[in-house]
Amino acid sequence: MAAATGNLVPGVDVHGKSRGDRADSHKVISVNYNVARATANSAINRSGGELRTAIERLSTGLRINRASDDPSGMIAGENLKGQEASLRKKIESRNFNITFYAAREGAESALNEMLTNLNDLVIRAANKAATSPDEREAMQIEAAGIIAGIDYLASTTRFNGQLILQGRTSANLGKVQVAVNPAQSASPAPDPNQGGGPITGATPQPTTRFAGLNEIANGALNLVNGDLEAAQQAVASALSSVTTSRGAIGAQIKSEQSEIAALNSELENIGAAKSQIMEADFAQETARLVRAQTLQSAAIFAAQMSADLIKNTMRSLQLLRDP
């Protein structure tokens, strides 16, 4: 037994066949089932799927076109998409607010200009030494026109159907205290118990009242014979109210712009995250497309070769049967 073992030649079995020949003897050609063709078909299907996926991603620009592409990524992407839509609505709302405030500030600016012109007239009229009665009459007519313009502006200026200068009428602007005209004071009622004489201890009548800019047009603050000092105070008060309102509107616009900047920054970050999750990398998908095309071409060629192999085998068998 030892001698037989000692006669073994490396690489050759006991029957005298090389191990390579013995291995090749197990490689058979089957005519019932083409293993090579099945392998090639599997490769064609696999490369075809990769090719369709690459084409779909390149044509849509999206890495995730359906939930099966990446379930967790789809959930994250849809959540980010909802946040993005919400932020866009907030930015749209802030921009609308800015438009509203800008319209209101524009109306307040026009009102401010009217009050400035009215203030010039009142100051000029107060200098009675340098103006004649006729000049003050002309100034009165001009002032009345400005007062009418203020009321018209307050009652007609609208934004989206809403009055934006509501309460800015001449009657409500620049209210100051003026002395009551004695002729306008009510006489005390007679006391029937004392022969028609006045009631003893009657409530004293007020000596002052509030007057607005409307009384510059035709009232106690007129520029012809009215209280010009009180008229100046009324116009100055109205100007202060309007400029303060414009400053507040400017602060609101600045606040809205700051919020829009913050929302845009957040929107940019969310958009970048959503793009990284949902969108396709064109360079990567193009490389995959070329690779899938190459593999599919090679698999098709291999399938053709396997089919030719079966044909050649059948032809050889036919020749052996019919020498």
C-alpha atoms as a PDB file:
ATOM      1  CA  MET A   1       0.000   0.000   0.000  1.00  0.00           C
ATOM      2  CA  ALA A   2       2.882   2.257   0.850  1.00  0.00           C
ATOM      3  CA  ALA A   3       4.556   1.336  -2.421  1.00  0.00           C
ATOM      4  CA  ALA A   4       1.482   2.147  -4.393  1.00  0.00           C
ATOM      5  CA  THR A   5       1.276   5.422  -2.659  1.00  0.00           C
ATOM      6  CA  GLY A   6       4.876   6.126  -3.376  1.00  0.00           C
ATOM      7  CA  ASN A   7       4.298   5.672  -7.115  1.00  0.00           C
ATOM      8  CA  LEU A   8       1.696   8.485  -7.251  1.00  0.00           C
ATOM      9  CA  VAL A   9       2.746  11.264  -9.565  1.00  0.00           C
ATOM     10  CA  PRO A  10       1.855  14.800  -8.439  1.00  0.00           C
ATOM     11  CA  GLY A  11      -1.172  16.115 -10.354  1.00  0.00           C
ATOM     12  CA  VAL A  12      -2.163  12.591 -11.605  1.00  0.00           C
ATOM     13  CA  ASP A  13      -4.723  10.294  -9.969  1.00  0.00           C
ATOM     14  CA  VAL A  14      -4.455   6.528  -9.610  1.00  0.00           C
ATOM     15  CA  HIS A  15      -6.156   5.977 -12.967  1.00  0.00           C
ATOM     16  CA  GLY A  16      -3.547   8.004 -14.798  1.00  0.00           C
ATOM     17  CA  LYS A  17      -5.776  10.996 -15.455  1.00  0.00           C
ATOM     18  CA  SER A  18      -4.721  14.487 -14.526  1.00  0.00           C
ATOM     19  CA  ARG A  19      -6.828  16.294 -11.972  1.00  0.00           C
ATOM     20  CA  GLY A  20      -7.594  18.977 -14.609  1.00  0.00           C
ATOM     21  CA  ASP A  21      -9.003  16.341 -16.945  1.00  0.00           C
ATOM     22  CA  ARG A  22     -11.090  14.889 -14.129  1.00  0.00           C
ATOM     23  CA  ALA A  23     -12.525  18.341 -13.369  1.00  0.00           C
ATOM     24  CA  ASP A  24     -13.311  18.962 -17.041  1.00  0.00           C
ATOM     25  CA  SER A  25     -15.181  15.674 -17.214  1.00  0.00           C
ATOM     26  CA  HIS A  26     -17.908  17.186 -14.981  1.00  0.00           C
ATOM     27  CA  LYS A  27     -18.498  20.106 -17.384  1.00  0.00           C
ATOM     28  CA  VAL A  28     -21.221  18.802 -19.632  1.00  0.00           C
ATOM     29  CA  ILE A  29     -23.186  20.462 -22.381  1.00  0.00           C
ATOM     30  CA  SER A  30     -26.907  20.067 -21.828  1.00  0.00           C
ATOM     31  CA  VAL A  31     -29.394  20.354 -24.654  1.00  0.00           C
ATOM     32  CA  ASN A  32     -32.423  20.286 -22.323  1.00  0.00           C
ATOM     33  CA  TYR A  33     -31.444  23.223 -20.124  1.00  0.00           C
ATOM     34  CA  ASN A  34     -29.064  25.924 -21.282  1.00  0.00           C
ATOM     35  CA  VAL A  35     -27.372  27.072 -18.070  1.00  0.00           C
ATOM     36  CA  ALA A  36     -25.306  29.723 -19.849  1.00  0.00           C
ATOM     37  CA  ARG A  37     -28.397  31.162 -21.489  1.00  0.00           C
ATOM     38  CA  ALA A  38     -30.244  31.258 -18.136  1.00  0.00           C
ATOM     39  CA  THR A  39     -27.299  33.062 -16.548  1.00  0.00           C
ATOM     40  CA  ALA A  40     -27.192  35.544 -19.411  1.00  0.00           C
ATOM     41  CA  ASN A  41     -30.956  36.157 -19.170  1.00  0.00           C
ATOM     42  CA  SER A  42     -30.640  36.833 -15.459  1.00  0.00           C
ATOM     43  CA  ALA A  43     -27.890  39.327 -16.171  1.00  0.00           C
ATOM     44  CA  ILE A  44     -30.049  40.979 -18.863  1.00  0.00           C
ATOM     45  CA  ASN A  45     -32.959  41.364 -16.436  1.00  0.00           C
ATOM     46  CA  ARG A  46     -30.709  42.737 -13.701  1.00  0.00           C
ATOM     47  CA  SER A  47     -28.970  45.253 -15.953  1.00  0.00           C
ATOM     48  CA  GLY A  48     -32.325  46.157 -17.524  1.00  0.00           C
ATOM     49  CA  GLY A  49     -33.733  47.010 -14.091  1.00  0.00           C
ATOM     50  CA  GLU A  50     -30.701  49.155 -13.323  1.00  0.00           C
ATOM     51  CA  LEU A  51     -31.042  50.814 -16.710  1.00  0.00           C
ATOM     52  CA  ARG A  52     -34.734  51.629 -16.173  1.00  0.00           C
ATOM     53  CA  THR A  53     -34.015  53.011 -12.703  1.00  0.00           C
ATOM     54  CA  ALA A  54     -31.209  55.236 -13.996  1.00  0.00           C
ATOM     55  CA  ILE A  55     -33.361  56.524 -16.893  1.00  0.00           C
ATOM     56  CA  GLU A  56     -36.286  57.230 -14.546  1.00  0.00           C
ATOM     57  CA  ARG A  57     -34.109  59.145 -12.098  1.00  0.00           C
ATOM     58  CA  LEU A  58     -32.451  61.136 -14.858  1.00  0.00           C
ATOM     59  CA  SER A  59     -35.778  61.990 -16.495  1.00  0.00           C
ATOM     60  CA  THR A  60     -37.531  63.034 -13.242  1.00  0.00           C
ATOM     61  CA  GLY A  61     -34.500  64.395 -11.410  1.00  0.00           C
ATOM     62  CA  LEU A  62     -35.600  62.474  -8.307  1.00  0.00           C
ATOM     63  CA  ARG A  63     -33.837  59.648  -6.518  1.00  0.00           C
ATOM     64  CA  ILE A  64     -37.079  58.613  -4.795  1.00  0.00           C
ATOM     65  CA  ASN A  65     -39.976  58.318  -7.252  1.00  0.00           C
ATOM     66  CA  ARG A  66     -42.016  55.846  -5.201  1.00  0.00           C
ATOM     67  CA  ALA A  67     -42.036  54.587  -1.640  1.00  0.00           C
ATOM     68  CA  SER A  68     -40.305  51.339  -2.598  1.00  0.00           C
ATOM     69  CA  ASP A  69     -37.216  53.260  -3.744  1.00  0.00           C
ATOM     70  CA  ASP A  70     -36.396  54.305  -0.170  1.00  0.00           C
ATOM     71  CA  PRO A  71     -39.217  54.010   2.419  1.00  0.00           C
ATOM     72  CA  SER A  72     -37.477  55.888   5.246  1.00  0.00           C
ATOM     73  CA  GLY A  73     -36.128  58.490   2.855  1.00  0.00           C
ATOM     74  CA  MET A  74     -39.598  59.002   1.396  1.00  0.00           C
ATOM     75  CA  ILE A  75     -41.045  59.653   4.866  1.00  0.00           C
ATOM     76  CA  ALA A  76     -38.317  62.155   5.710  1.00  0.00           C
ATOM     77  CA  GLY A  77     -38.633  63.846   2.327  1.00  0.00           C
ATOM     78  CA  GLU A  78     -42.407  64.226   2.574  1.00  0.00           C
ATOM     79  CA  ASN A  79     -42.111  65.700   6.067  1.00  0.00           C
ATOM     80  CA  LEU A  80     -39.562  68.209   4.810  1.00  0.00           C
ATOM     81  CA  LYS A  81     -41.807  68.990   1.853  1.00  0.00           C
ATOM     82  CA  GLY A  82     -44.655  69.826   4.254  1.00  0.00           C
ATOM     83  CA  GLN A  83     -42.397  72.078   6.319  1.00  0.00           C
ATOM     84  CA  GLU A  84     -41.222  73.792   3.134  1.00  0.00           C
ATOM     85  CA  ALA A  85     -44.809  74.491   2.027  1.00  0.00           C
ATOM     86  CA  SER A  86     -45.660  75.887   5.477  1.00  0.00           C
ATOM     87  CA  LEU A  87     -42.647  78.202   5.420  1.00  0.00           C
ATOM     88  CA  ARG A  88     -43.545  79.467   1.949  1.00  0.00           C
ATOM     89  CA  LYS A  89     -47.043  80.341   3.191  1.00  0.00           C
ATOM     90  CA  LYS A  90     -45.581  82.202   6.149  1.00  0.00           C
ATOM     91  CA  ILE A  91     -43.268  84.174   3.876  1.00  0.00           C
ATOM     92  CA  GLU A  92     -46.183  84.955   1.566  1.00  0.00           C
ATOM     93  CA  SER A  93     -48.210  86.208   4.541  1.00  0.00           C
ATOM     94  CA  ARG A  94     -45.329  88.398   5.748  1.00  0.00           C
ATOM     95  CA  ASN A  95     -44.921  89.892   2.278  1.00  0.00           C
ATOM     96  CA  PHE A  96     -48.647  90.676   2.192  1.00  0.00           C
ATOM     97  CA  ASN A  97     -48.323  92.412   5.565  1.00  0.00           C
ATOM     98  CA  ILE A  98     -45.447  94.484   4.241  1.00  0.00           C
ATOM     99  CA  THR A  99     -47.564  95.496   1.253  1.00  0.00           C
ATOM    100  CA  PHE A 100     -50.375  96.540   3.595  1.00  0.00           C
ATOM    101  CA  TYR A 101     -48.053  98.522   5.845  1.00  0.00           C
ATOM    102  CA  ALA A 102     -46.429 100.161   2.820  1.00  0.00           C
ATOM    103  CA  ALA A 103     -49.837 101.236   1.502  1.00  0.00           C
ATOM    104  CA  ARG A 104     -50.769 102.628   4.901  1.00  0.00           C
ATOM    105  CA  GLU A 105     -47.452 104.433   5.248  1.00  0.00           C
ATOM    106  CA  GLY A 106     -47.959 105.958   1.815  1.00  0.00           C
ATOM    107  CA  ALA A 107     -51.380 107.266   2.851  1.00  0.00           C
ATOM    108  CA  GLU A 108     -49.931 108.613   6.109  1.00  0.00           C
ATOM    109  CA  SER A 109     -47.190 110.303   4.084  1.00  0.00           C
ATOM    110  CA  ALA A 110     -49.787 112.075   1.942  1.00  0.00           C
ATOM    111  CA  LEU A 111     -51.607 113.122   5.113  1.00  0.00           C
ATOM    112  CA  ASN A 112     -48.328 114.366   6.573  1.00  0.00           C
ATOM    113  CA  GLU A 113     -47.747 116.535   3.500  1.00  0.00           C
ATOM    114  CA  MET A 114     -51.232 118.050   3.775  1.00  0.00           C
ATOM    115  CA  LEU A 115     -50.705 118.861   7.446  1.00  0.00           C
ATOM    116  CA  THR A 116     -47.346 120.442   6.670  1.00  0.00           C
ATOM    117  CA  ASN A 117     -48.990 122.751   4.126  1.00  0.00           C
ATOM    118  CA  LEU A 118     -51.749 123.542   6.632  1.00  0.00           C
ATOM    119  CA  ASN A 119     -49.154 124.336   9.272  1.00  0.00           C
ATOM    120  CA  ASP A 120     -47.482 126.823   6.918  1.00  0.00           C
ATOM    121  CA  LEU A 121     -50.825 128.591   6.353  1.00  0.00           C
ATOM    122  CA  VAL A 122     -51.598 128.791  10.071  1.00  0.00           C
ATOM    123  CA  ILE A 123     -48.164 130.231  10.885  1.00  0.00           C
ATOM    124  CA  ARG A 124     -48.476 132.823   8.145  1.00  0.00           C
ATOM    125  CA  ALA A 125     -51.989 133.770   9.201  1.00  0.00           C
ATOM    126  CA  ALA A 126     -50.876 134.130  12.831  1.00  0.00           C
ATOM    127  CA  ASN A 127     -48.558 136.950  11.764  1.00  0.00           C
ATOM    128  CA  LYS A 128     -51.380 139.472  11.500  1.00  0.00           C
ATOM    129  CA  ALA A 129     -48.978 142.382  11.256  1.00  0.00           C
ATOM    130  CA  ALA A 130     -47.653 141.057   7.940  1.00  0.00           C
ATOM    131  CA  THR A 131     -50.947 139.853   6.429  1.00  0.00           C
ATOM    132  CA  SER A 132     -54.013 141.738   5.390  1.00  0.00           C
ATOM    133  CA  PRO A 133     -57.610 140.593   6.026  1.00  0.00           C
ATOM    134  CA  ASP A 134     -57.942 139.699   2.331  1.00  0.00           C
ATOM    135  CA  GLU A 135     -54.828 137.544   2.493  1.00  0.00           C
ATOM    136  CA  ARG A 136     -56.156 135.765   5.556  1.00  0.00           C
ATOM    137  CA  GLU A 137     -59.440 135.173   3.724  1.00  0.00           C
ATOM    138  CA  ALA A 138     -57.502 133.572   0.867  1.00  0.00           C
ATOM    139  CA  MET A 139     -55.515 131.480   3.325  1.00  0.00           C
ATOM    140  CA  GLN A 140     -58.778 130.427   4.961  1.00  0.00           C
ATOM    141  CA  ILE A 141     -60.135 129.181   1.645  1.00  0.00           C
ATOM    142  CA  GLU A 142     -56.936 127.230   1.012  1.00  0.00           C
ATOM    143  CA  ALA A 143     -56.977 125.789   4.553  1.00  0.00           C
ATOM    144  CA  ALA A 144     -60.602 124.710   4.115  1.00  0.00           C
ATOM    145  CA  GLY A 145     -59.583 122.897   0.929  1.00  0.00           C
ATOM    146  CA  ILE A 146     -56.801 121.062   2.787  1.00  0.00           C
ATOM    147  CA  ILE A 147     -59.237 120.057   5.560  1.00  0.00           C
ATOM    148  CA  ALA A 148     -61.646 118.702   2.928  1.00  0.00           C
ATOM    149  CA  GLY A 149     -58.760 116.794   1.324  1.00  0.00           C
ATOM    150  CA  ILE A 150     -57.849 115.212   4.671  1.00  0.00           C
ATOM    151  CA  ASP A 151     -61.421 114.011   5.193  1.00  0.00           C
ATOM    152  CA  TYR A 152     -61.623 112.702   1.620  1.00  0.00           C
ATOM    153  CA  LEU A 153     -58.332 110.822   2.028  1.00  0.00           C
ATOM    154  CA  ALA A 154     -59.495 109.274   5.313  1.00  0.00           C
ATOM    155  CA  SER A 155     -62.814 108.125   3.888  1.00  0.00           C
ATOM    156  CA  THR A 156     -61.653 106.757   0.521  1.00  0.00           C
ATOM    157  CA  THR A 157     -58.159 105.284   0.969  1.00  0.00           C
ATOM    158  CA  ARG A 158     -58.557 101.496   1.007  1.00  0.00           C
ATOM    159  CA  PHE A 159     -56.383  98.418   0.755  1.00  0.00           C
ATOM    160  CA  ASN A 160     -58.026  95.126  -0.129  1.00  0.00           C
ATOM    161  CA  GLY A 161     -61.392  96.705   0.651  1.00  0.00           C
ATOM    162  CA  GLN A 162     -60.302  97.926   4.090  1.00  0.00           C
ATOM    163  CA  LEU A 163     -60.065 101.584   5.127  1.00  0.00           C
ATOM    164  CA  ILE A 164     -56.466 102.185   6.158  1.00  0.00           C
ATOM    165  CA  LEU A 165     -56.910 105.730   7.529  1.00  0.00           C
ATOM    166  CA  GLN A 166     -59.988 105.045   9.582  1.00  0.00           C
ATOM    167  CA  GLY A 167     -60.244 107.579  12.404  1.00  0.00           C
ATOM    168  CA  ARG A 168     -57.877 110.009  10.677  1.00  0.00           C
ATOM    169  CA  THR A 169     -60.593 112.559   9.898  1.00  0.00           C
ATOM    170  CA  SER A 170     -60.047 116.243  10.604  1.00  0.00           C
ATOM    171  CA  ALA A 171     -62.513 116.078  13.508  1.00  0.00           C
ATOM    172  CA  ASN A 172     -60.337 113.489  15.281  1.00  0.00           C
ATOM    173  CA  LEU A 173     -56.931 114.973  14.522  1.00  0.00           C
ATOM    174  CA  GLY A 174     -55.198 117.633  16.599  1.00  0.00           C
ATOM    175  CA  LYS A 175     -57.795 118.062  19.322  1.00  0.00           C
ATOM    176  CA  VAL A 176     -57.060 121.033  21.597  1.00  0.00           C
ATOM    177  CA  GLN A 177     -58.982 122.848  24.289  1.00  0.00           C
ATOM    178  CA  VAL A 178     -60.554 126.158  23.313  1.00  0.00           C
ATOM    179  CA  ALA A 179     -62.659 128.645  25.243  1.00  0.00           C
ATOM    180  CA  VAL A 180     -66.397 128.291  24.948  1.00  0.00           C
ATOM    181  CA  ASN A 181     -68.140 131.206  23.251  1.00  0.00           C
ATOM    182  CA  PRO A 182     -70.365 132.870  25.902  1.00  0.00           C
ATOM    183  CA  ALA A 183     -73.129 133.148  23.338  1.00  0.00           C
ATOM    184  CA  GLN A 184     -73.096 129.345  23.015  1.00  0.00           C
ATOM    185  CA  SER A 185     -73.521 128.798  26.762  1.00  0.00           C
ATOM    186  CA  ALA A 186     -76.994 127.750  27.783  1.00  0.00           C
ATOM    187  CA  SER A 187     -78.915 130.176  30.025  1.00  0.00           C
ATOM    188  CA  PRO A 188     -79.980 128.773  33.408  1.00  0.00           C
ATOM    189  CA  ALA A 189     -83.509 127.436  33.478  1.00  0.00           C
ATOM    190  CA  PRO A 190     -86.082 129.594  35.422  1.00  0.00           C
ATOM    191  CA  ASP A 191     -87.220 128.433  38.862  1.00  0.00           C
ATOM    192  CA  PRO A 192     -91.040 128.305  38.924  1.00  0.00           C
ATOM    193  CA  ASN A 193     -90.984 128.456  42.728  1.00  0.00           C
ATOM    194  CA  GLN A 194     -89.330 131.856  42.670  1.00  0.00           C
ATOM    195  CA  GLY A 195     -91.348 133.667  40.066  1.00  0.00           C
ATOM    196  CA  GLY A 196     -89.325 132.560  37.106  1.00  0.00           C
ATOM    197  CA  GLY A 197     -85.934 133.597  38.470  1.00  0.00           C
ATOM    198  CA  PRO A 198     -82.811 131.509  38.046  1.00  0.00           C
ATOM    199  CA  ILE A 199     -82.305 128.407  40.129  1.00  0.00           C
ATOM    200  CA  THR A 200     -80.098 129.048  43.104  1.00  0.00           C
ATOM    201  CA  GLY A 201     -76.916 126.921  43.045  1.00  0.00           C
ATOM    202  CA  ALA A 202     -77.240 125.849  39.360  1.00  0.00           C
ATOM    203  CA  THR A 203     -74.353 123.777  37.879  1.00  0.00           C
ATOM    204  CA  PRO A 204     -71.837 126.138  36.255  1.00  0.00           C
ATOM    205  CA  GLN A 205     -71.427 125.762  32.498  1.00  0.00           C
ATOM    206  CA  PRO A 206     -68.028 124.548  31.146  1.00  0.00           C
ATOM    207  CA  THR A 207     -65.714 127.278  29.932  1.00  0.00           C
ATOM    208  CA  THR A 208     -63.597 125.104  27.572  1.00  0.00           C
ATOM    209  CA  ARG A 209     -64.162 122.364  25.022  1.00  0.00           C
ATOM    210  CA  PHE A 210     -62.162 120.257  22.597  1.00  0.00           C
ATOM    211  CA  ALA A 211     -61.796 121.342  18.986  1.00  0.00           C
ATOM    212  CA  GLY A 212     -60.271 119.408  16.089  1.00  0.00           C
ATOM    213  CA  LEU A 213     -58.711 120.446  12.805  1.00  0.00           C
ATOM    214  CA  ASN A 214     -62.145 120.631  11.221  1.00  0.00           C
ATOM    215  CA  GLU A 215     -62.726 123.902  13.094  1.00  0.00           C
ATOM    216  CA  ILE A 216     -59.954 125.525  11.076  1.00  0.00           C
ATOM    217  CA  ALA A 217     -62.256 125.265   8.069  1.00  0.00           C
ATOM    218  CA  ASN A 218     -65.211 126.923   9.776  1.00  0.00           C
ATOM    219  CA  GLY A 219     -65.069 127.252  13.512  1.00  0.00           C
ATOM    220  CA  ALA A 220     -63.169 128.507  16.500  1.00  0.00           C
ATOM    221  CA  LEU A 221     -59.801 127.902  14.837  1.00  0.00           C
ATOM    222  CA  ASN A 222     -60.413 129.690  11.546  1.00  0.00           C
ATOM    223  CA  LEU A 223     -57.618 131.802  10.135  1.00  0.00           C
ATOM    224  CA  VAL A 224     -59.612 135.029   9.838  1.00  0.00           C
ATOM    225  CA  ASN A 225     -60.761 135.738  13.382  1.00  0.00           C
ATOM    226  CA  GLY A 226     -60.261 132.450  15.219  1.00  0.00           C
ATOM    227  CA  ASP A 227     -57.845 131.352  17.912  1.00  0.00           C
ATOM    228  CA  LEU A 228     -54.697 131.049  15.816  1.00  0.00           C
ATOM    229  CA  GLU A 229     -52.528 129.998  18.742  1.00  0.00           C
ATOM    230  CA  ALA A 230     -54.831 127.044  19.403  1.00  0.00           C
ATOM    231  CA  ALA A 231     -54.897 126.354  15.640  1.00  0.00           C
ATOM    232  CA  GLN A 232     -51.116 126.083  15.626  1.00  0.00           C
ATOM    233  CA  GLN A 233     -51.239 123.718  18.587  1.00  0.00           C
ATOM    234  CA  ALA A 234     -53.868 121.584  16.831  1.00  0.00           C
ATOM    235  CA  VAL A 235     -51.841 121.285  13.631  1.00  0.00           C
ATOM    236  CA  ALA A 236     -48.650 120.539  15.581  1.00  0.00           C
ATOM    237  CA  SER A 237     -50.471 117.826  17.550  1.00  0.00           C
ATOM    238  CA  ALA A 238     -51.826 116.297  14.347  1.00  0.00           C
ATOM    239  CA  LEU A 239     -48.374 116.333  12.730  1.00  0.00           C
ATOM    240  CA  SER A 240     -46.865 114.653  15.796  1.00  0.00           C
ATOM    241  CA  SER A 241     -49.557 111.955  15.731  1.00  0.00           C
ATOM    242  CA  VAL A 242     -49.021 111.233  12.033  1.00  0.00           C
ATOM    243  CA  THR A 243     -45.210 111.129  12.213  1.00  0.00           C
ATOM    244  CA  THR A 244     -45.385 108.829  15.256  1.00  0.00           C
ATOM    245  CA  SER A 245     -47.752 106.546  13.364  1.00  0.00           C
ATOM    246  CA  ARG A 246     -45.412 106.475  10.365  1.00  0.00           C
ATOM    247  CA  GLY A 247     -42.512 105.570  12.636  1.00  0.00           C
ATOM    248  CA  ALA A 248     -44.531 102.695  14.120  1.00  0.00           C
ATOM    249  CA  ILE A 249     -45.426 101.487  10.633  1.00  0.00           C
ATOM    250  CA  GLY A 250     -41.762 101.608   9.640  1.00  0.00           C
ATOM    251  CA  ALA A 251     -40.871  99.519  12.684  1.00  0.00           C
ATOM    252  CA  GLN A 252     -43.548  96.965  11.714  1.00  0.00           C
ATOM    253  CA  ILE A 253     -42.149  96.736   8.182  1.00  0.00           C
ATOM    254  CA  LYS A 254     -38.634  96.283   9.572  1.00  0.00           C
ATOM    255  CA  SER A 255     -39.869  93.523  11.876  1.00  0.00           C
ATOM    256  CA  GLU A 256     -41.641  91.744   9.018  1.00  0.00           C
ATOM    257  CA  GLN A 257     -38.513  91.954   6.857  1.00  0.00           C
ATOM    258  CA  SER A 258     -36.402  90.448   9.654  1.00  0.00           C
ATOM    259  CA  GLU A 259     -38.887  87.584  10.025  1.00  0.00           C
ATOM    260  CA  ILE A 260     -38.846  86.999   6.272  1.00  0.00           C
ATOM    261  CA  ALA A 261     -35.031  86.835   6.305  1.00  0.00           C
ATOM    262  CA  ALA A 262     -35.131  84.249   9.112  1.00  0.00           C
ATOM    263  CA  LEU A 263     -37.822  82.222   7.336  1.00  0.00           C
ATOM    264  CA  ASN A 264     -35.866  82.314   4.059  1.00  0.00           C
ATOM    265  CA  SER A 265     -32.778  81.015   5.857  1.00  0.00           C
ATOM    266  CA  GLU A 266     -34.801  78.172   7.369  1.00  0.00           C
ATOM    267  CA  LEU A 267     -36.408  77.465   3.990  1.00  0.00           C
ATOM    268  CA  GLU A 268     -32.977  77.283   2.369  1.00  0.00           C
ATOM    269  CA  ASN A 269     -31.749  74.739   4.921  1.00  0.00           C
ATOM    270  CA  ILE A 270     -34.885  72.608   4.593  1.00  0.00           C
ATOM    271  CA  GLY A 271     -34.660  72.756   0.803  1.00  0.00           C
ATOM    272  CA  ALA A 272     -31.030  71.605   0.904  1.00  0.00           C
ATOM    273  CA  ALA A 273     -31.906  68.688   3.201  1.00  0.00           C
ATOM    274  CA  LYS A 274     -34.887  67.683   1.026  1.00  0.00           C
ATOM    275  CA  SER A 275     -32.768  67.887  -2.113  1.00  0.00           C
ATOM    276  CA  GLN A 276     -30.102  65.657  -0.605  1.00  0.00           C
ATOM    277  CA  ILE A 277     -32.710  63.038   0.308  1.00  0.00           C
ATOM    278  CA  MET A 278     -35.121  63.179  -2.624  1.00  0.00           C
ATOM    279  CA  GLU A 279     -33.203  64.395  -5.663  1.00  0.00           C
ATOM    280  CA  ALA A 280     -30.928  62.361  -7.911  1.00  0.00           C
ATOM    281  CA  ASP A 281     -27.201  62.907  -8.357  1.00  0.00           C
ATOM    282  CA  PHE A 282     -26.954  63.399 -12.121  1.00  0.00           C
ATOM    283  CA  ALA A 283     -23.267  62.500 -12.329  1.00  0.00           C
ATOM    284  CA  GLN A 284     -23.807  59.302 -10.354  1.00  0.00           C
ATOM    285  CA  GLU A 285     -26.941  58.316 -12.261  1.00  0.00           C
ATOM    286  CA  THR A 286     -25.249  58.990 -15.616  1.00  0.00           C
ATOM    287  CA  ALA A 287     -22.400  56.689 -14.606  1.00  0.00           C
ATOM    288  CA  ARG A 288     -24.932  54.040 -13.558  1.00  0.00           C
ATOM    289  CA  LEU A 289     -26.726  54.418 -16.879  1.00  0.00           C
ATOM    290  CA  VAL A 290     -23.525  53.860 -18.866  1.00  0.00           C
ATOM    291  CA  ARG A 291     -22.588  50.884 -16.666  1.00  0.00           C
ATOM    292  CA  ALA A 292     -26.056  49.324 -17.042  1.00  0.00           C
ATOM    293  CA  GLN A 293     -25.964  49.814 -20.831  1.00  0.00           C
ATOM    294  CA  THR A 294     -22.540  48.148 -21.018  1.00  0.00           C
ATOM    295  CA  LEU A 295     -23.600  45.225 -18.836  1.00  0.00           C
ATOM    296  CA  GLN A 296     -26.806  44.739 -20.791  1.00  0.00           C
ATOM    297  CA  SER A 297     -24.935  44.741 -24.108  1.00  0.00           C
ATOM    298  CA  ALA A 298     -22.485  42.171 -22.725  1.00  0.00           C
ATOM    299  CA  ALA A 299     -25.302  40.016 -21.340  1.00  0.00           C
ATOM    300  CA  ILE A 300     -27.155  40.091 -24.671  1.00  0.00           C
ATOM    301  CA  PHE A 301     -23.965  39.048 -26.453  1.00  0.00           C
ATOM    302  CA  ALA A 302     -23.450  36.231 -23.936  1.00  0.00           C
ATOM    303  CA  ALA A 303     -27.033  35.047 -24.457  1.00  0.00           C
ATOM    304  CA  GLN A 304     -26.477  34.942 -28.205  1.00  0.00           C
ATOM    305  CA  MET A 305     -23.248  33.023 -27.712  1.00  0.00           C
ATOM    306  CA  SER A 306     -24.980  30.460 -25.464  1.00  0.00           C
ATOM    307  CA  ALA A 307     -27.703  30.002 -28.058  1.00  0.00           C
ATOM    308  CA  ASP A 308     -25.075  29.487 -30.737  1.00  0.00           C
ATOM    309  CA  LEU A 309     -23.369  26.948 -28.478  1.00  0.00           C
ATOM    310  CA  ILE A 310     -26.529  24.826 -28.332  1.00  0.00           C
ATOM    311  CA  LYS A 311     -26.961  25.085 -32.092  1.00  0.00           C
ATOM    312  CA  ASN A 312     -23.387  23.962 -32.684  1.00  0.00           C
ATOM    313  CA  THR A 313     -23.851  21.056 -30.259  1.00  0.00           C
ATOM    314  CA  MET A 314     -26.988  19.925 -32.015  1.00  0.00           C
ATOM    315  CA  ARG A 315     -25.261  20.211 -35.367  1.00  0.00           C
ATOM    316  CA  SER A 316     -22.364  18.094 -34.081  1.00  0.00           C
ATOM    317  CA  LEU A 317     -24.748  15.433 -32.795  1.00  0.00           C
ATOM    318  CA  GLN A 318     -26.493  15.416 -36.163  1.00  0.00           C
ATOM    319  CA  LEU A 319     -23.181  14.835 -37.935  1.00  0.00           C
ATOM    320  CA  LEU A 320     -22.300  12.002 -35.560  1.00  0.00           C
ATOM    321  CA  ARG A 321     -25.638  10.348 -36.176  1.00  0.00           C
ATOM    322  CA  ASP A 322     -25.494  10.770 -39.954  1.00  0.00           C
ATOM    323  CA  PRO A 323     -21.830  10.336 -40.948  1.00  0.00           C
END
